[in-house]
Amino acid sequence: MEPAPVAGPSWPAGDAPGPAGDAPGPAGGAPEPTGGAGAGHPHRATAWPEARAVAHRAGIAARAGREPAGLPPGQALGRVLTEPLTALADLPSFDTSAMDGWAVAGPGPWHVREEPTVLAGHTPAAALADGEAVRIATGAPVPPGTTAVLRTEHSRTERPRDGLALLHALREVVAGQDIRPRGQECRSGDELLPAGTTVTPAVLGLAAAAGYDELLVLPRPRVEVLVLGDELLTAGLPHEGLIRDALGPMLGPWLAALGADVLATRRIGDDAEALHAAVTGSAADLVLTTGGTAAGPVDHVHRVLDEAGATLLVDGVKVRPGHPMLLARLGADPARPHHVRHLVGLPGNPLAAVSGLLTLAAPLLAALKEDGPRAEAGSRTEDRARAEGGAGSGARAPVPYRVPVRDEVHGHPHDTRLVPVVRRSGSAVPLRYHGPAMLRGIAAADGLAVVPPGGARPGQELDVLDLPWPPTAGAAPAQGACFT
């Protein structure tokens, strides 16, 4: 059943236009990094596309300080080669039979040598003289002197009363047929794949065939999640001003779907000292905090970053929901001076936190994992496949692709909006529950539509950010339950 048309108020609760985040930044919408991040530091909101670009560049800069790791091929799946995959041997490393049949030498008919079949993994048979044949299996080394392999189904044998069996060809035999010559696929030293290639199952097979026992790859980015807020419960029903923590259970699996190793999800509460200790003591490449990025009485993130010597790269983004998000480069670790760490401060409202995750954390993680130019080209290829109905692999950060929106979507006067949508018949259909504190819409969504300031009319093409898991495939709620 098709979704109902857009209806209801233009602005979800807590997402109405206001002064916060509306003031333009420097030329081009991107703020210059600031030396401090104290609580008194004013937000200088960055345009949404530029904020993603800043996060991606930050990841590229941090990648230089990350040490590659040699891993067994089975553990390298999904990671990125840090050096070219070079053949360690000829492939194949000897002339092999491509078919079950007969190794023959010279023109036929051939006298069949009475000896066991030549099998793969066994010692090659003795050299063949012209006019001789020996039975051979697929993958077996062909005997010296072999001129062709004759398939079993293209042959017949006869046994004279007073001699060896004779092999006859039922089709013309061409020299070299059904023999895989040594080095047919590659020679030792050939570059098979460049550095920056993502390790797929096919790459694992090629690496094994080429002789690799381990692959040198970039390790997965390490992330630590710090959940802030004294009002959060981890069990039971909400009561007396306390609410359930929705972000703690959600962020770890979401980050893992983006290719990160989640070291821990820790609950800090509204304790500035505990937050400072956690941020400065973390060994993660990326620290994620939830809440505390605004200027309320228990919003400690800016002050903690200032005390930790962090540099703000993005301090507020012109996007709804989620405009108080931030990105900071943390101070150097004396024990690892080349290890560049970052912090992404997510808003505390659940859908606003998802907005921050896809705006700042996902591009930074993608850059940490991958070769920059290749990552961008590969993402565009994946986007085309997604636009044609394919599911995302989760290997890359979501990169927008264009889809016409079926219904009118209200816009913010100055900021980008991210609205949960489902794909139906080639169009993006917006969902009703898109307030900053709501997860009901995103739980049923296939992605987030990027709505420009002023909104979008029916049929207008919008960028859509896919979610890093397969689409809902018809599992969306019934008509009227979730769609706007």
Protein backbone atom coordinates (compact mmCIF):
# COMPACT_ATOMS: atom_id res chain seq x y z
CA MET A 1 0.00 0.00 0.00
CA GLU A 2 1.35 3.42 -0.94
CA PRO A 3 2.19 5.91 1.81
CA ALA A 4 -0.13 8.76 2.64
CA PRO A 5 0.79 12.23 1.31
CA VAL A 6 2.71 14.80 3.34
CA ALA A 7 0.57 16.27 6.07
CA GLY A 8 0.82 17.77 9.52
CA PRO A 9 2.87 20.67 10.88
CA SER A 10 5.81 22.01 8.92
CA TRP A 11 8.18 21.78 11.89
CA PRO A 12 8.63 18.86 14.29
CA ALA A 13 8.98 19.76 17.92
CA GLY A 14 12.39 21.15 18.73
CA ASP A 15 13.32 21.69 15.07
CA ALA A 16 11.72 25.06 14.33
CA PRO A 17 13.81 27.84 12.77
CA GLY A 18 15.81 29.82 15.25
CA PRO A 19 18.97 31.84 15.59
CA ALA A 20 21.19 28.93 16.54
CA GLY A 21 23.21 27.80 13.54
CA ASP A 22 21.67 30.37 11.18
CA ALA A 23 24.54 32.83 11.12
CA PRO A 24 26.84 32.30 8.14
CA GLY A 25 30.44 31.29 8.67
CA PRO A 26 33.42 32.55 6.68
CA ALA A 27 33.34 32.66 2.90
CA GLY A 28 32.24 29.31 1.53
CA GLY A 29 30.45 28.38 4.74
CA ALA A 30 33.45 26.63 6.35
CA PRO A 31 34.84 27.92 9.64
CA GLU A 32 38.55 28.10 10.17
CA PRO A 33 39.82 25.74 12.89
CA THR A 34 39.94 27.46 16.25
CA GLY A 35 42.62 27.11 18.87
CA GLY A 36 40.25 26.66 21.80
CA ALA A 37 36.89 25.06 22.48
CA GLY A 38 35.74 26.59 25.75
CA ALA A 39 32.10 26.80 26.75
CA GLY A 40 32.07 30.50 25.91
CA HIS A 41 33.19 29.89 22.34
CA PRO A 42 30.38 30.94 19.95
CA HIS A 43 29.12 28.45 17.36
CA ARG A 44 30.21 29.27 13.81
CA ALA A 45 27.99 26.91 11.90
CA THR A 46 29.42 25.20 8.83
CA ALA A 47 27.33 24.44 5.76
CA TRP A 48 26.36 20.75 5.66
CA PRO A 49 28.31 19.72 2.52
CA GLU A 50 31.43 21.53 3.73
CA ALA A 51 31.16 19.91 7.18
CA ARG A 52 31.28 16.48 5.55
CA ALA A 53 34.25 17.57 3.44
CA VAL A 54 36.09 18.84 6.54
CA ALA A 55 35.49 15.50 8.28
CA HIS A 56 36.77 13.57 5.27
CA ARG A 57 39.91 15.71 5.05
CA ALA A 58 40.50 15.24 8.76
CA GLY A 59 40.39 11.47 8.29
CA ILE A 60 42.84 11.63 5.39
CA ALA A 61 45.27 13.68 7.49
CA ALA A 62 44.95 11.26 10.42
CA ARG A 63 45.46 8.19 8.25
CA ALA A 64 49.13 9.08 7.70
CA GLY A 65 49.88 8.39 11.37
CA ARG A 66 48.26 4.94 11.45
CA GLU A 67 50.54 1.91 11.23
CA PRO A 68 49.60 -0.88 8.79
CA ALA A 69 49.24 -4.39 10.15
CA GLY A 70 50.13 -7.74 8.59
CA LEU A 71 47.11 -10.01 8.96
CA PRO A 72 46.25 -13.53 7.76
CA PRO A 73 44.06 -13.19 4.64
CA GLY A 74 40.94 -14.34 6.48
CA GLN A 75 41.26 -11.47 8.95
CA ALA A 76 41.90 -8.84 6.28
CA LEU A 77 38.45 -8.98 4.69
CA GLY A 78 36.99 -5.51 4.21
CA ARG A 79 40.23 -3.71 4.98
CA VAL A 80 42.46 -1.80 2.57
CA LEU A 81 45.81 -2.87 1.10
CA THR A 82 48.61 -0.51 2.09
CA GLU A 83 50.96 -1.85 -0.57
CA PRO A 84 50.43 -3.32 -4.03
CA LEU A 85 49.56 -7.01 -4.25
CA THR A 86 52.49 -8.39 -6.24
CA ALA A 87 52.66 -11.95 -7.55
CA LEU A 88 55.11 -14.02 -5.53
CA ALA A 89 55.14 -16.77 -8.17
CA ASP A 90 54.06 -17.44 -11.74
CA LEU A 91 50.33 -18.26 -12.04
CA PRO A 92 50.03 -21.06 -12.83
CA SER A 93 53.48 -22.05 -11.68
CA PHE A 94 53.69 -24.93 -14.19
CA ASP A 95 51.88 -26.04 -17.34
CA THR A 96 48.61 -27.61 -16.20
CA SER A 97 45.72 -29.46 -17.77
CA ALA A 98 42.54 -27.39 -18.05
CA MET A 99 40.35 -30.49 -18.56
CA ASP A 100 39.98 -34.15 -17.69
CA GLY A 101 41.16 -36.19 -20.64
CA TRP A 102 44.41 -37.21 -22.31
CA ALA A 103 47.82 -35.57 -22.57
CA VAL A 104 48.99 -36.28 -26.12
CA ALA A 105 52.20 -35.68 -28.05
CA GLY A 106 52.37 -35.16 -31.80
CA PRO A 107 49.67 -36.16 -34.29
CA GLY A 108 47.27 -39.04 -33.59
CA PRO A 109 46.24 -41.69 -33.24
CA TRP A 110 48.25 -42.19 -30.05
CA HIS A 111 49.41 -45.28 -28.19
CA VAL A 112 48.08 -45.12 -24.62
CA ARG A 113 50.76 -45.65 -22.02
CA GLU A 114 49.58 -48.12 -19.39
CA GLU A 115 50.26 -46.11 -16.25
CA PRO A 116 48.09 -44.37 -13.63
CA THR A 117 46.24 -41.18 -14.43
CA VAL A 118 48.29 -38.03 -13.87
CA LEU A 119 46.57 -36.27 -10.94
CA ALA A 120 46.69 -32.76 -9.51
CA GLY A 121 49.20 -32.51 -6.68
CA HIS A 122 51.16 -35.54 -7.83
CA THR A 123 54.56 -35.89 -9.49
CA PRO A 124 54.41 -35.22 -13.25
CA ALA A 125 54.52 -38.23 -15.54
CA ALA A 126 57.58 -39.03 -17.60
CA ALA A 127 58.02 -37.16 -20.86
CA LEU A 128 55.83 -38.17 -23.77
CA ALA A 129 57.27 -39.17 -27.10
CA ASP A 130 55.44 -38.34 -30.32
CA GLY A 131 52.49 -40.66 -30.76
CA GLU A 132 52.05 -41.30 -27.03
CA ALA A 133 49.17 -40.40 -24.69
CA VAL A 134 48.52 -40.66 -20.97
CA ARG A 135 45.32 -40.04 -19.03
CA ILE A 136 45.33 -36.73 -17.08
CA ALA A 137 43.04 -34.90 -14.63
CA THR A 138 42.15 -31.20 -14.44
CA GLY A 139 44.86 -29.20 -12.68
CA ALA A 140 47.54 -31.86 -13.05
CA PRO A 141 50.98 -30.92 -14.42
CA VAL A 142 51.25 -31.93 -18.06
CA PRO A 143 54.14 -34.27 -18.87
CA PRO A 144 57.09 -32.82 -20.80
CA GLY A 145 56.58 -33.18 -24.52
CA THR A 146 52.79 -32.73 -24.33
CA THR A 147 51.43 -30.81 -27.31
CA ALA A 148 47.72 -30.74 -26.34
CA VAL A 149 45.11 -32.10 -23.97
CA LEU A 150 42.29 -34.05 -25.60
CA ARG A 151 39.06 -33.96 -23.64
CA THR A 152 37.57 -37.30 -22.66
CA GLU A 153 34.31 -36.56 -24.47
CA HIS A 154 36.19 -35.75 -27.66
CA SER A 155 38.02 -39.10 -27.80
CA ARG A 156 37.58 -42.84 -28.22
CA THR A 157 39.93 -45.74 -27.58
CA GLU A 158 40.36 -49.14 -29.18
CA ARG A 159 42.54 -52.02 -28.09
CA PRO A 160 44.09 -54.17 -30.83
CA ARG A 161 44.56 -57.83 -29.89
CA ASP A 162 48.31 -57.67 -30.18
CA GLY A 163 49.27 -54.18 -28.97
CA LEU A 164 48.69 -51.12 -26.78
CA ALA A 165 45.35 -49.32 -26.78
CA LEU A 166 44.98 -46.65 -29.43
CA LEU A 167 43.47 -43.21 -28.74
CA HIS A 168 41.56 -41.49 -31.53
CA ALA A 169 40.40 -37.86 -31.61
CA LEU A 170 36.80 -37.17 -32.55
CA ARG A 171 37.60 -33.52 -33.28
CA GLU A 172 40.56 -31.63 -34.68
CA VAL A 173 43.39 -31.30 -32.18
CA VAL A 174 45.13 -27.93 -32.05
CA ALA A 175 48.54 -27.54 -30.46
CA GLY A 176 48.27 -26.13 -26.93
CA GLN A 177 44.54 -26.74 -26.56
CA ASP A 178 43.24 -27.11 -23.01
CA ILE A 179 46.66 -26.46 -21.50
CA ARG A 180 47.10 -23.58 -19.10
CA PRO A 181 50.69 -22.52 -19.73
CA ARG A 182 52.94 -21.43 -16.90
CA GLY A 183 52.52 -17.69 -16.21
CA GLN A 184 49.29 -17.42 -18.21
CA GLU A 185 47.67 -15.23 -15.52
CA CYS A 186 50.77 -13.48 -14.26
CA ARG A 187 54.51 -13.69 -13.86
CA SER A 188 56.35 -13.42 -10.55
CA GLY A 189 56.72 -9.73 -9.70
CA ASP A 190 53.67 -8.56 -11.66
CA GLU A 191 51.44 -6.07 -9.82
CA LEU A 192 48.06 -7.74 -9.44
CA LEU A 193 46.24 -4.99 -7.53
CA PRO A 194 47.28 -1.48 -6.45
CA ALA A 195 47.61 -0.20 -2.91
CA GLY A 196 44.29 1.18 -1.70
CA THR A 197 42.27 -1.82 -2.92
CA THR A 198 39.58 -3.02 -0.54
CA VAL A 199 40.05 -6.68 0.35
CA THR A 200 37.04 -8.58 -0.99
CA PRO A 201 36.53 -12.38 -1.00
CA ALA A 202 37.87 -12.43 -4.58
CA VAL A 203 40.98 -10.51 -3.45
CA LEU A 204 41.50 -13.09 -0.70
CA GLY A 205 41.41 -15.86 -3.31
CA LEU A 206 43.85 -14.04 -5.59
CA ALA A 207 46.23 -13.35 -2.70
CA ALA A 208 46.18 -17.00 -1.65
CA ALA A 209 46.82 -18.14 -5.24
CA ALA A 210 49.69 -15.64 -5.51
CA GLY A 211 51.38 -17.14 -2.44
CA TYR A 212 50.48 -14.73 0.39
CA ASP A 213 50.30 -15.93 3.99
CA GLU A 214 49.42 -12.45 5.27
CA LEU A 215 48.35 -9.10 3.83
CA LEU A 216 49.54 -5.65 4.86
CA VAL A 217 46.39 -3.63 5.49
CA LEU A 218 45.15 -0.60 7.38
CA PRO A 219 43.61 -1.67 10.69
CA ARG A 220 40.00 -0.77 11.25
CA PRO A 221 39.53 2.62 12.91
CA ARG A 222 39.10 2.27 16.66
CA VAL A 223 36.17 4.13 18.18
CA GLU A 224 35.07 4.71 21.76
CA VAL A 225 31.56 5.90 22.57
CA LEU A 226 30.94 8.09 25.63
CA VAL A 227 27.25 8.40 26.54
CA LEU A 228 26.54 11.53 28.56
CA GLY A 229 23.50 12.40 30.67
CA ASP A 230 22.36 11.72 34.24
CA GLU A 231 18.79 11.24 33.01
CA LEU A 232 19.50 8.01 31.12
CA LEU A 233 18.32 4.57 32.16
CA THR A 234 19.80 1.31 30.91
CA ALA A 235 16.83 -0.87 31.87
CA GLY A 236 13.18 -0.61 32.79
CA LEU A 237 10.51 1.90 31.83
CA PRO A 238 10.98 5.68 31.79
CA HIS A 239 9.81 7.33 35.00
CA GLU A 240 10.16 10.48 37.12
CA GLY A 241 12.13 12.47 34.55
CA LEU A 242 14.37 9.55 33.59
CA ILE A 243 14.42 8.20 30.04
CA ARG A 244 15.89 5.13 28.37
CA ASP A 245 19.28 5.46 26.70
CA ALA A 246 18.60 4.89 22.99
CA LEU A 247 22.03 5.91 21.72
CA GLY A 248 24.20 3.50 23.72
CA PRO A 249 22.61 0.39 22.17
CA MET A 250 22.46 1.96 18.69
CA LEU A 251 25.82 3.64 18.09
CA GLY A 252 28.16 0.68 18.58
CA PRO A 253 26.48 -1.57 15.99
CA TRP A 254 26.05 1.38 13.62
CA LEU A 255 29.76 2.22 13.83
CA ALA A 256 30.63 -1.44 13.31
CA ALA A 257 28.47 -1.40 10.16
CA LEU A 258 30.61 1.54 8.99
CA GLY A 259 33.74 -0.61 9.42
CA ALA A 260 34.99 0.53 12.84
CA ASP A 261 36.24 -1.50 15.79
CA VAL A 262 34.24 -0.27 18.78
CA LEU A 263 36.50 -0.49 21.81
CA ALA A 264 33.80 0.35 24.36
CA THR A 265 30.54 2.16 25.00
CA ARG A 266 30.86 3.92 28.34
CA ARG A 267 28.27 5.90 30.31
CA ILE A 268 29.79 9.03 31.82
CA GLY A 269 26.74 10.96 32.98
CA ASP A 270 27.01 14.73 33.41
CA ASP A 271 30.41 14.63 35.11
CA ALA A 272 32.92 17.05 33.56
CA GLU A 273 35.93 15.54 35.33
CA ALA A 274 35.01 12.01 34.28
CA LEU A 275 34.47 13.23 30.72
CA HIS A 276 37.88 14.93 30.66
CA ALA A 277 39.59 11.78 31.92
CA ALA A 278 37.79 9.61 29.38
CA VAL A 279 38.57 11.88 26.44
CA THR A 280 42.23 12.43 27.27
CA GLY A 281 42.83 8.81 28.25
CA SER A 282 41.19 7.15 25.26
CA ALA A 283 43.41 5.18 22.87
CA ALA A 284 40.74 5.32 20.13
CA ASP A 285 41.23 7.00 16.78
CA LEU A 286 37.79 8.56 17.21
CA VAL A 287 35.91 9.40 20.40
CA LEU A 288 32.14 9.89 20.07
CA THR A 289 30.20 11.75 22.73
CA THR A 290 26.41 12.04 22.96
CA GLY A 291 24.87 15.28 24.18
CA GLY A 292 26.59 18.11 25.99
CA THR A 293 27.55 20.06 22.84
CA ALA A 294 25.30 23.08 23.40
CA ALA A 295 25.63 25.74 26.12
CA GLY A 296 23.38 24.41 28.89
CA PRO A 297 24.35 24.10 32.55
CA VAL A 298 25.58 20.52 32.16
CA ASP A 299 26.91 20.80 28.59
CA HIS A 300 30.60 20.18 29.32
CA VAL A 301 32.00 19.09 25.94
CA HIS A 302 33.32 22.48 24.80
CA ARG A 303 35.01 23.20 28.14
CA VAL A 304 36.56 19.72 28.29
CA LEU A 305 37.91 20.08 24.77
CA ASP A 306 39.41 23.46 25.62
CA GLU A 307 41.10 22.07 28.73
CA ALA A 308 42.38 19.09 26.69
CA GLY A 309 44.05 21.37 24.12
CA ALA A 310 41.76 20.27 21.30
CA THR A 311 41.28 22.19 18.06
CA LEU A 312 37.74 22.69 16.81
CA LEU A 313 37.38 21.87 13.12
CA VAL A 314 33.57 22.09 12.97
CA ASP A 315 31.56 23.84 15.66
CA GLY A 316 27.93 23.54 14.65
CA VAL A 317 26.51 22.58 11.25
CA LYS A 318 23.74 24.25 9.28
CA VAL A 319 21.57 21.14 9.33
CA ARG A 320 18.33 20.10 11.05
CA PRO A 321 18.17 18.02 13.14
CA GLY A 322 21.60 18.03 14.70
CA HIS A 323 22.96 21.56 14.29
CA PRO A 324 24.94 21.56 17.63
CA MET A 325 27.25 18.73 16.44
CA LEU A 326 31.01 19.32 16.44
CA LEU A 327 34.30 17.85 15.26
CA ALA A 328 37.59 18.43 17.10
CA ARG A 329 41.18 17.27 16.68
CA LEU A 330 42.45 16.12 20.04
CA GLY A 331 45.87 16.92 21.46
CA ALA A 332 48.79 14.65 20.64
CA ASP A 333 49.46 11.57 22.75
CA PRO A 334 53.06 11.85 24.07
CA ALA A 335 53.41 8.07 23.84
CA ARG A 336 52.28 8.08 20.21
CA PRO A 337 53.16 11.52 18.80
CA HIS A 338 52.13 10.61 15.23
CA HIS A 339 48.75 9.21 16.27
CA VAL A 340 46.12 11.83 15.34
CA ARG A 341 42.87 11.45 17.29
CA HIS A 342 39.52 13.15 16.79
CA LEU A 343 36.31 13.66 18.71
CA VAL A 344 32.84 13.94 17.21
CA GLY A 345 30.30 15.47 19.55
CA LEU A 346 26.82 14.23 18.69
CA PRO A 347 23.67 15.96 19.90
CA GLY A 348 21.78 14.07 22.59
CA ASN A 349 18.48 13.73 20.72
CA PRO A 350 18.44 10.37 18.89
CA LEU A 351 17.66 11.45 15.30
CA ALA A 352 19.90 14.50 15.73
CA ALA A 353 22.67 12.11 16.80
CA VAL A 354 22.10 10.02 13.65
CA SER A 355 22.44 13.23 11.64
CA GLY A 356 25.78 13.93 13.34
CA LEU A 357 26.94 10.38 12.83
CA LEU A 358 26.35 10.51 9.06
CA THR A 359 27.54 14.11 8.68
CA LEU A 360 30.84 13.97 10.58
CA ALA A 361 31.72 10.48 11.86
CA ALA A 362 30.99 8.44 8.72
CA PRO A 363 33.14 10.52 6.30
CA LEU A 364 36.01 10.63 8.79
CA LEU A 365 35.90 6.85 9.31
CA ALA A 366 35.77 6.23 5.57
CA ALA A 367 38.89 8.33 5.05
CA LEU A 368 40.69 6.55 7.88
CA LYS A 369 39.97 3.19 6.25
CA GLU A 370 40.58 3.88 2.60
CA ASP A 371 42.76 5.46 -0.02
CA GLY A 372 41.16 8.87 -0.59
CA PRO A 373 40.75 9.14 -4.40
CA ARG A 374 39.96 5.46 -4.77
CA ALA A 375 37.49 5.62 -1.88
CA GLU A 376 35.58 8.46 -3.48
CA ALA A 377 35.43 6.75 -6.89
CA GLY A 378 34.46 3.45 -5.31
CA SER A 379 31.70 5.09 -3.32
CA ARG A 380 30.21 6.62 -6.44
CA THR A 381 30.20 3.19 -8.06
CA GLU A 382 28.47 1.70 -5.05
CA ASP A 383 25.95 4.52 -5.05
CA ARG A 384 24.99 3.77 -8.64
CA ALA A 385 24.38 0.15 -7.67
CA ARG A 386 22.28 1.25 -4.71
CA ALA A 387 20.26 3.62 -6.85
CA GLU A 388 19.43 0.65 -9.07
CA GLY A 389 18.07 -1.22 -6.07
CA GLY A 390 21.15 -2.94 -4.64
CA ALA A 391 21.79 -3.09 -0.93
CA GLY A 392 24.71 -1.26 0.58
CA SER A 393 27.58 -3.28 1.95
CA GLY A 394 28.34 -0.91 4.82
CA ALA A 395 31.98 -0.83 3.76
CA ARG A 396 31.96 2.83 2.90
CA ALA A 397 30.55 6.02 4.37
CA PRO A 398 27.17 6.96 2.90
CA VAL A 399 27.65 9.26 -0.08
CA PRO A 400 24.55 10.94 -1.53
CA TYR A 401 22.94 9.79 -4.75
CA ARG A 402 20.01 11.45 -6.52
CA VAL A 403 16.40 10.25 -6.25
CA PRO A 404 13.17 12.17 -7.02
CA VAL A 405 11.06 12.81 -3.94
CA ARG A 406 7.44 11.74 -4.31
CA ASP A 407 5.86 14.31 -2.00
CA GLU A 408 6.46 17.88 -0.93
CA VAL A 409 8.99 18.22 1.87
CA HIS A 410 9.03 21.29 4.10
CA GLY A 411 12.41 22.96 4.44
CA HIS A 412 14.24 25.14 6.92
CA PRO A 413 14.67 28.74 5.73
CA HIS A 414 18.48 28.63 6.01
CA ASP A 415 19.65 25.10 6.90
CA THR A 416 19.77 21.71 5.21
CA ARG A 417 17.28 19.16 6.54
CA LEU A 418 17.84 15.39 6.77
CA VAL A 419 14.53 13.54 6.51
CA PRO A 420 14.03 9.75 6.78
CA VAL A 421 12.67 8.25 3.53
CA VAL A 422 11.80 4.91 2.00
CA ARG A 423 12.23 4.06 -1.68
CA ARG A 424 9.05 3.19 -3.54
CA SER A 425 8.80 2.77 -7.33
CA GLY A 426 11.93 4.79 -8.01
CA SER A 427 10.99 7.66 -5.68
CA ALA A 428 11.92 8.67 -2.15
CA VAL A 429 8.88 8.88 0.14
CA PRO A 430 9.34 10.97 3.31
CA LEU A 431 8.35 9.50 6.66
CA ARG A 432 6.31 11.25 9.32
CA TYR A 433 8.37 10.74 12.46
CA HIS A 434 11.35 12.99 11.76
CA GLY A 435 11.61 15.11 14.90
CA PRO A 436 15.09 15.34 16.47
CA ALA A 437 14.10 13.12 19.40
CA MET A 438 12.38 10.45 17.28
CA LEU A 439 13.75 7.14 16.03
CA ARG A 440 10.50 5.68 14.70
CA GLY A 441 11.04 7.14 11.24
CA ILE A 442 14.70 6.19 10.84
CA ALA A 443 13.97 2.64 12.08
CA ALA A 444 11.66 2.13 9.08
CA ALA A 445 13.74 4.16 6.61
CA ASP A 446 16.00 3.19 3.71
CA GLY A 447 17.95 6.44 3.98
CA LEU A 448 17.94 10.15 4.77
CA ALA A 449 16.95 12.66 2.10
CA VAL A 450 19.05 15.83 2.00
CA VAL A 451 16.50 18.65 1.75
CA PRO A 452 17.93 22.05 0.74
CA PRO A 453 16.92 25.28 2.50
CA GLY A 454 13.39 26.19 1.49
CA GLY A 455 12.22 22.60 1.01
CA ALA A 456 11.51 20.42 -2.02
CA ARG A 457 8.56 20.09 -4.38
CA PRO A 458 7.13 16.75 -5.59
CA GLY A 459 9.32 15.19 -8.27
CA GLN A 460 12.39 17.22 -7.35
CA GLU A 461 15.59 15.17 -7.23
CA LEU A 462 17.25 15.08 -3.82
CA ASP A 463 20.45 13.58 -2.55
CA VAL A 464 19.79 10.51 -0.38
CA LEU A 465 22.17 9.01 2.17
CA ASP A 466 21.70 5.25 2.39
CA LEU A 467 21.93 3.52 5.73
CA PRO A 468 24.77 0.98 6.10
CA TRP A 469 22.53 -2.10 5.97
CA PRO A 470 20.10 -3.59 3.44
CA PRO A 471 16.89 -1.65 2.68
CA THR A 472 13.71 -2.46 4.56
CA ALA A 473 12.31 -4.26 1.44
CA GLY A 474 8.66 -3.63 2.20
CA ALA A 475 8.96 -3.89 5.98
CA ALA A 476 7.80 -0.28 6.51
CA PRO A 477 4.74 0.31 8.72
CA ALA A 478 1.26 0.24 7.31
CA GLN A 479 -0.32 3.31 5.70
CA GLY A 480 -0.84 6.15 8.13
CA ALA A 481 1.36 4.64 10.81
CA CYS A 482 4.62 6.28 9.87
CA PHE A 483 4.48 8.12 6.57
CA THR A 484 3.97 11.86 6.38
